[in-house]
Amino acid sequence: MYLSVAAGYGPLEIALRPRYRDVVTSLAQLRPTSRLTVMRRVGTGQAHLELGLSTDGELLLRTAIIADATGHVAINLVLTPQARAQLFEWLEVPPAE
């Protein structure tokens, strides 16, 4: 089963279809960090969703499409703690241990 994810800004839109299980597993394994230089990646090398959790409880999402060594297109999103809680409930993400 796949999850459709789309992010847009003005005329630009990126749409991805990562595996539902991979997204839920990655979200369940997130731990808050003040440094978000390394985020969990779901997808392939050419199209992926990066996930991170800030110490403030914000969920950081980056959708990216990599063309080749010459560049990429990405959109960065930040979900508030309340929006993150709703997303986790909707996706049935198990609580952190």
N, C-alpha and C. Protein backbone atom coordinates (compact mmCIF):
# COMPACT_ATOMS: atom_id res chain seq x y z
N MET A 1 0.84 -1.16 0.00
CA MET A 1 0.00 0.00 0.00
C MET A 1 0.90 1.24 0.00
N TYR A 2 0.49 2.23 -0.75
CA TYR A 2 1.26 3.46 -0.87
C TYR A 2 0.50 4.63 -0.28
N LEU A 3 1.23 5.66 0.09
CA LEU A 3 0.67 6.89 0.63
C LEU A 3 0.98 8.01 -0.35
N SER A 4 -0.01 8.75 -0.76
CA SER A 4 0.22 9.88 -1.68
C SER A 4 0.53 11.12 -0.86
N VAL A 5 1.66 11.76 -1.18
CA VAL A 5 2.10 12.97 -0.50
C VAL A 5 2.35 14.02 -1.57
N ALA A 6 1.74 15.19 -1.40
CA ALA A 6 1.96 16.27 -2.35
C ALA A 6 2.23 17.56 -1.59
N ALA A 7 3.18 18.33 -2.08
CA ALA A 7 3.51 19.62 -1.48
C ALA A 7 3.61 20.62 -2.62
N GLY A 8 3.03 21.79 -2.40
CA GLY A 8 3.06 22.78 -3.45
C GLY A 8 3.25 24.19 -2.92
N TYR A 9 3.80 25.02 -3.77
CA TYR A 9 3.97 26.43 -3.47
C TYR A 9 3.81 27.18 -4.77
N GLY A 10 2.75 27.97 -4.88
CA GLY A 10 2.49 28.65 -6.14
C GLY A 10 2.28 27.64 -7.25
N PRO A 11 2.93 27.80 -8.39
CA PRO A 11 2.74 26.87 -9.49
C PRO A 11 3.55 25.58 -9.36
N LEU A 12 4.42 25.48 -8.36
CA LEU A 12 5.29 24.32 -8.19
C LEU A 12 4.63 23.29 -7.27
N GLU A 13 4.62 22.03 -7.68
CA GLU A 13 4.10 20.95 -6.85
C GLU A 13 4.99 19.73 -7.00
N ILE A 14 5.23 19.06 -5.87
CA ILE A 14 5.95 17.79 -5.88
C ILE A 14 5.00 16.75 -5.30
N ALA A 15 4.82 15.65 -6.00
CA ALA A 15 3.96 14.57 -5.53
C ALA A 15 4.76 13.28 -5.47
N LEU A 16 4.69 12.59 -4.34
CA LEU A 16 5.42 11.35 -4.13
C LEU A 16 4.45 10.26 -3.67
N ARG A 17 4.82 9.00 -3.85
CA ARG A 17 4.02 7.87 -3.39
C ARG A 17 4.91 6.88 -2.65
N PRO A 18 5.36 7.23 -1.43
CA PRO A 18 6.17 6.28 -0.66
C PRO A 18 5.30 5.15 -0.10
N ARG A 19 5.95 4.07 0.28
CA ARG A 19 5.24 2.94 0.89
C ARG A 19 4.69 3.37 2.26
N TYR A 20 3.42 3.09 2.49
CA TYR A 20 2.75 3.45 3.74
C TYR A 20 3.52 2.89 4.94
N ARG A 21 3.88 1.62 4.88
CA ARG A 21 4.59 0.97 5.99
C ARG A 21 5.91 1.66 6.30
N ASP A 22 6.64 2.07 5.28
CA ASP A 22 7.92 2.74 5.49
C ASP A 22 7.74 4.10 6.16
N VAL A 23 6.69 4.83 5.75
CA VAL A 23 6.42 6.15 6.35
C VAL A 23 6.05 5.99 7.82
N VAL A 24 5.13 5.07 8.13
CA VAL A 24 4.68 4.88 9.51
C VAL A 24 5.82 4.41 10.40
N THR A 25 6.64 3.48 9.90
CA THR A 25 7.78 2.99 10.68
C THR A 25 8.76 4.12 10.96
N SER A 26 9.06 4.92 9.96
CA SER A 26 9.99 6.04 10.15
C SER A 26 9.44 7.07 11.12
N LEU A 27 8.15 7.39 11.03
CA LEU A 27 7.55 8.35 11.96
C LEU A 27 7.58 7.82 13.39
N ALA A 28 7.33 6.53 13.55
CA ALA A 28 7.33 5.93 14.89
C ALA A 28 8.72 5.94 15.52
N GLN A 29 9.75 5.93 14.70
CA GLN A 29 11.13 5.87 15.21
C GLN A 29 11.77 7.23 15.40
N LEU A 30 11.07 8.31 15.06
CA LEU A 30 11.64 9.65 15.20
C LEU A 30 11.88 9.99 16.67
N ARG A 31 13.00 10.63 16.93
CA ARG A 31 13.32 11.13 18.25
C ARG A 31 13.66 12.61 18.12
N PRO A 32 13.19 13.44 19.05
CA PRO A 32 13.48 14.87 18.96
C PRO A 32 14.98 15.16 18.97
N THR A 33 15.37 16.11 18.16
CA THR A 33 16.77 16.53 18.12
C THR A 33 16.84 18.02 17.80
N SER A 34 17.84 18.66 18.36
CA SER A 34 18.01 20.10 18.07
C SER A 34 18.78 20.30 16.77
N ARG A 35 19.50 19.27 16.33
CA ARG A 35 20.25 19.36 15.07
C ARG A 35 19.57 18.48 14.03
N LEU A 36 19.10 19.09 12.98
CA LEU A 36 18.38 18.33 11.96
C LEU A 36 19.19 18.18 10.68
N THR A 37 20.49 17.98 10.84
CA THR A 37 21.33 17.78 9.66
C THR A 37 21.10 16.41 9.07
N VAL A 38 20.66 15.45 9.88
CA VAL A 38 20.37 14.10 9.40
C VAL A 38 18.92 13.79 9.72
N MET A 39 18.14 13.57 8.68
CA MET A 39 16.73 13.24 8.85
C MET A 39 16.49 11.85 8.29
N ARG A 40 15.43 11.20 8.73
CA ARG A 40 15.07 9.88 8.18
C ARG A 40 14.56 10.06 6.76
N ARG A 41 14.97 9.16 5.89
CA ARG A 41 14.60 9.25 4.48
C ARG A 41 13.74 8.05 4.10
N VAL A 42 12.62 8.33 3.42
CA VAL A 42 11.72 7.30 2.93
C VAL A 42 11.59 7.50 1.43
N GLY A 43 11.83 6.45 0.66
CA GLY A 43 11.72 6.54 -0.79
C GLY A 43 12.98 6.03 -1.46
N THR A 44 13.24 6.56 -2.63
CA THR A 44 14.40 6.13 -3.40
C THR A 44 15.41 7.27 -3.49
N GLY A 45 16.50 7.02 -4.15
CA GLY A 45 17.51 8.06 -4.34
C GLY A 45 17.04 9.17 -5.27
N GLN A 46 16.05 8.87 -6.12
CA GLN A 46 15.56 9.87 -7.07
C GLN A 46 14.36 10.67 -6.55
N ALA A 47 13.56 10.09 -5.66
CA ALA A 47 12.39 10.78 -5.10
C ALA A 47 12.19 10.28 -3.68
N HIS A 48 12.24 11.20 -2.72
CA HIS A 48 12.12 10.76 -1.33
C HIS A 48 11.47 11.82 -0.45
N LEU A 49 11.08 11.36 0.72
CA LEU A 49 10.50 12.19 1.76
C LEU A 49 11.45 12.11 2.95
N GLU A 50 11.92 13.25 3.44
CA GLU A 50 12.79 13.27 4.61
C GLU A 50 11.96 13.73 5.80
N LEU A 51 12.18 13.10 6.95
CA LEU A 51 11.40 13.35 8.15
C LEU A 51 12.31 13.67 9.32
N GLY A 52 11.94 14.66 10.11
CA GLY A 52 12.69 15.01 11.31
C GLY A 52 11.74 15.55 12.37
N LEU A 53 12.15 15.45 13.63
CA LEU A 53 11.33 15.93 14.74
C LEU A 53 12.17 16.88 15.59
N SER A 54 11.70 18.12 15.73
CA SER A 54 12.45 19.11 16.51
C SER A 54 12.17 18.92 17.98
N THR A 55 12.98 19.53 18.82
CA THR A 55 12.79 19.46 20.27
C THR A 55 11.53 20.20 20.69
N ASP A 56 10.99 21.07 19.83
CA ASP A 56 9.73 21.77 20.10
C ASP A 56 8.51 20.93 19.71
N GLY A 57 8.73 19.74 19.15
CA GLY A 57 7.63 18.88 18.74
C GLY A 57 7.14 19.10 17.33
N GLU A 58 7.83 19.94 16.57
CA GLU A 58 7.44 20.19 15.18
C GLU A 58 7.97 19.06 14.29
N LEU A 59 7.13 18.63 13.37
CA LEU A 59 7.53 17.62 12.40
C LEU A 59 8.03 18.34 11.16
N LEU A 60 9.25 18.04 10.77
CA LEU A 60 9.86 18.65 9.59
C LEU A 60 9.80 17.65 8.44
N LEU A 61 9.26 18.10 7.32
CA LEU A 61 9.11 17.27 6.13
C LEU A 61 9.81 17.95 4.96
N ARG A 62 10.54 17.16 4.21
CA ARG A 62 11.16 17.68 2.98
C ARG A 62 10.85 16.68 1.87
N THR A 63 10.09 17.11 0.89
CA THR A 63 9.86 16.27 -0.29
C THR A 63 10.89 16.67 -1.33
N ALA A 64 11.51 15.68 -1.96
CA ALA A 64 12.57 16.00 -2.91
C ALA A 64 12.54 15.07 -4.11
N ILE A 65 12.84 15.65 -5.25
CA ILE A 65 13.06 14.90 -6.48
C ILE A 65 14.44 15.27 -6.98
N ILE A 66 15.28 14.26 -7.14
CA ILE A 66 16.67 14.46 -7.54
C ILE A 66 16.78 14.14 -9.04
N ALA A 67 17.21 15.12 -9.81
CA ALA A 67 17.33 14.92 -11.25
C ALA A 67 18.58 14.09 -11.57
N ASP A 68 19.72 14.57 -11.18
CA ASP A 68 21.00 13.90 -11.34
C ASP A 68 22.01 14.71 -10.55
N ALA A 69 23.26 14.62 -10.89
CA ALA A 69 24.29 15.34 -10.13
C ALA A 69 24.20 16.85 -10.30
N THR A 70 23.38 17.31 -11.24
CA THR A 70 23.31 18.75 -11.49
C THR A 70 22.33 19.49 -10.60
N GLY A 71 21.43 18.77 -9.90
CA GLY A 71 20.52 19.49 -9.02
C GLY A 71 19.31 18.69 -8.60
N HIS A 72 18.44 19.37 -7.84
CA HIS A 72 17.22 18.74 -7.33
C HIS A 72 16.16 19.81 -7.07
N VAL A 73 14.94 19.34 -6.86
CA VAL A 73 13.82 20.20 -6.47
C VAL A 73 13.32 19.68 -5.13
N ALA A 74 13.14 20.58 -4.16
CA ALA A 74 12.67 20.16 -2.84
C ALA A 74 11.76 21.23 -2.26
N ILE A 75 10.82 20.80 -1.43
CA ILE A 75 9.96 21.70 -0.68
C ILE A 75 10.04 21.31 0.78
N ASN A 76 10.32 22.28 1.65
CA ASN A 76 10.41 22.05 3.08
C ASN A 76 9.11 22.48 3.76
N LEU A 77 8.60 21.64 4.64
CA LEU A 77 7.37 21.93 5.37
C LEU A 77 7.61 21.73 6.86
N VAL A 78 6.89 22.48 7.69
CA VAL A 78 6.95 22.32 9.14
C VAL A 78 5.52 22.15 9.64
N LEU A 79 5.25 21.05 10.35
CA LEU A 79 3.95 20.83 10.95
C LEU A 79 4.03 21.16 12.43
N THR A 80 3.07 21.91 12.92
CA THR A 80 3.01 22.24 14.35
C THR A 80 2.79 20.95 15.15
N PRO A 81 3.07 20.98 16.46
CA PRO A 81 2.82 19.79 17.27
C PRO A 81 1.37 19.29 17.17
N GLN A 82 0.40 20.20 17.07
CA GLN A 82 -1.00 19.79 16.96
C GLN A 82 -1.27 19.11 15.62
N ALA A 83 -0.73 19.66 14.54
CA ALA A 83 -0.91 19.05 13.22
C ALA A 83 -0.18 17.70 13.16
N ARG A 84 0.99 17.62 13.79
CA ARG A 84 1.73 16.35 13.83
C ARG A 84 0.91 15.29 14.55
N ALA A 85 0.29 15.65 15.67
CA ALA A 85 -0.53 14.70 16.43
C ALA A 85 -1.70 14.19 15.59
N GLN A 86 -2.34 15.07 14.83
CA GLN A 86 -3.44 14.67 13.97
C GLN A 86 -2.96 13.74 12.86
N LEU A 87 -1.80 14.05 12.27
CA LEU A 87 -1.24 13.20 11.22
C LEU A 87 -0.92 11.81 11.77
N PHE A 88 -0.29 11.76 12.94
CA PHE A 88 0.07 10.47 13.55
C PHE A 88 -1.19 9.66 13.85
N GLU A 89 -2.25 10.33 14.31
CA GLU A 89 -3.50 9.63 14.59
C GLU A 89 -4.11 9.09 13.30
N TRP A 90 -4.13 9.91 12.25
CA TRP A 90 -4.71 9.51 10.97
C TRP A 90 -3.95 8.32 10.35
N LEU A 91 -2.61 8.35 10.45
CA LEU A 91 -1.80 7.28 9.88
C LEU A 91 -1.66 6.08 10.82
N GLU A 92 -2.20 6.19 12.04
CA GLU A 92 -2.12 5.14 13.06
C GLU A 92 -0.68 4.80 13.38
N VAL A 93 0.12 5.84 13.63
CA VAL A 93 1.52 5.67 14.02
C VAL A 93 1.54 5.21 15.47
N PRO A 94 2.21 4.08 15.78
CA PRO A 94 2.24 3.62 17.17
C PRO A 94 3.01 4.61 18.05
N PRO A 95 2.63 4.72 19.33
CA PRO A 95 3.33 5.66 20.22
C PRO A 95 4.78 5.25 20.43
N ALA A 96 5.63 6.25 20.67
CA ALA A 96 7.05 6.00 20.93
C ALA A 96 7.20 5.24 22.24
N GLU A 97 8.17 4.35 22.27
CA GLU A 97 8.40 3.56 23.49
C GLU A 97 9.31 4.29 24.45
